[in-house]
Amino acid sequence: MATLKREKVKSTPFSDFIRYASTSEKQTFFEKVRDLAIDDQRQVIAQAEELKHKKIQ
């Protein structure tokens, strides 16, 4: 079986964060991401409801 050499890639700020941040820092970060995603989803739902009501009238 041939072994493939893995190509080294440049580190990114995000990969460094994932690798080196403390658990509490990661938790805080992902809570913010979750909250932003929830807000975005609520906006999409609100826009859909507005369109739905405009279409009914």
Protein backbone atom coordinates (compact mmCIF):
# COMPACT_ATOMS: atom_id res chain seq x y z
CA MET A 1 0.00 0.00 0.00
CA ALA A 2 1.47 3.31 -1.03
CA THR A 3 1.68 6.02 1.57
CA LEU A 4 0.68 9.46 0.50
CA LYS A 5 2.60 12.44 1.77
CA ARG A 6 0.36 15.01 3.32
CA GLU A 7 0.90 18.46 1.97
CA LYS A 8 1.52 20.98 4.72
CA VAL A 9 -0.85 23.89 4.58
CA LYS A 10 -0.54 27.29 6.12
CA SER A 11 -2.11 27.78 9.51
CA THR A 12 -5.08 30.14 9.70
CA PRO A 13 -6.23 32.28 12.62
CA PHE A 14 -9.30 30.06 12.95
CA SER A 15 -7.29 26.84 13.02
CA ASP A 16 -4.95 28.39 15.59
CA PHE A 17 -7.96 29.36 17.69
CA ILE A 18 -9.39 25.85 17.53
CA ARG A 19 -6.04 24.35 18.41
CA TYR A 20 -4.95 26.69 21.21
CA ALA A 21 -8.01 28.38 22.76
CA SER A 22 -9.26 27.28 26.12
CA THR A 23 -12.53 25.41 26.45
CA SER A 24 -14.25 28.46 27.90
CA GLU A 25 -13.05 30.67 25.03
CA LYS A 26 -14.36 28.15 22.49
CA GLN A 27 -17.66 27.88 24.34
CA THR A 28 -18.09 31.66 24.35
CA PHE A 29 -17.22 31.86 20.66
CA PHE A 30 -19.62 29.13 19.60
CA GLU A 31 -22.40 30.56 21.78
CA LYS A 32 -22.04 33.83 19.86
CA VAL A 33 -22.10 31.94 16.55
CA ARG A 34 -25.21 30.05 17.67
CA ASP A 35 -26.97 33.26 18.74
CA LEU A 36 -26.17 34.98 15.44
CA ALA A 37 -27.46 31.96 13.51
CA ILE A 38 -30.69 31.97 15.53
CA ASP A 39 -31.16 35.69 14.85
CA ASP A 40 -30.61 35.14 11.12
CA GLN A 41 -33.12 32.28 11.10
CA ARG A 42 -35.70 34.40 12.92
CA GLN A 43 -35.27 37.17 10.34
CA VAL A 44 -35.79 34.71 7.49
CA ILE A 45 -38.91 33.33 9.16
CA ALA A 46 -40.25 36.85 9.72
CA GLN A 47 -39.65 37.75 6.07
CA ALA A 48 -41.40 34.56 4.97
CA GLU A 49 -44.37 35.36 7.18
CA GLU A 50 -44.59 38.88 5.72
CA LEU A 51 -44.55 37.48 2.19
CA LYS A 52 -47.14 34.90 3.16
CA HIS A 53 -49.49 37.59 4.51
CA LYS A 54 -48.98 39.81 1.46
CA LYS A 55 -49.76 36.88 -0.84
CA ILE A 56 -52.97 36.03 1.05
CA GLN A 57 -54.33 39.58 0.82
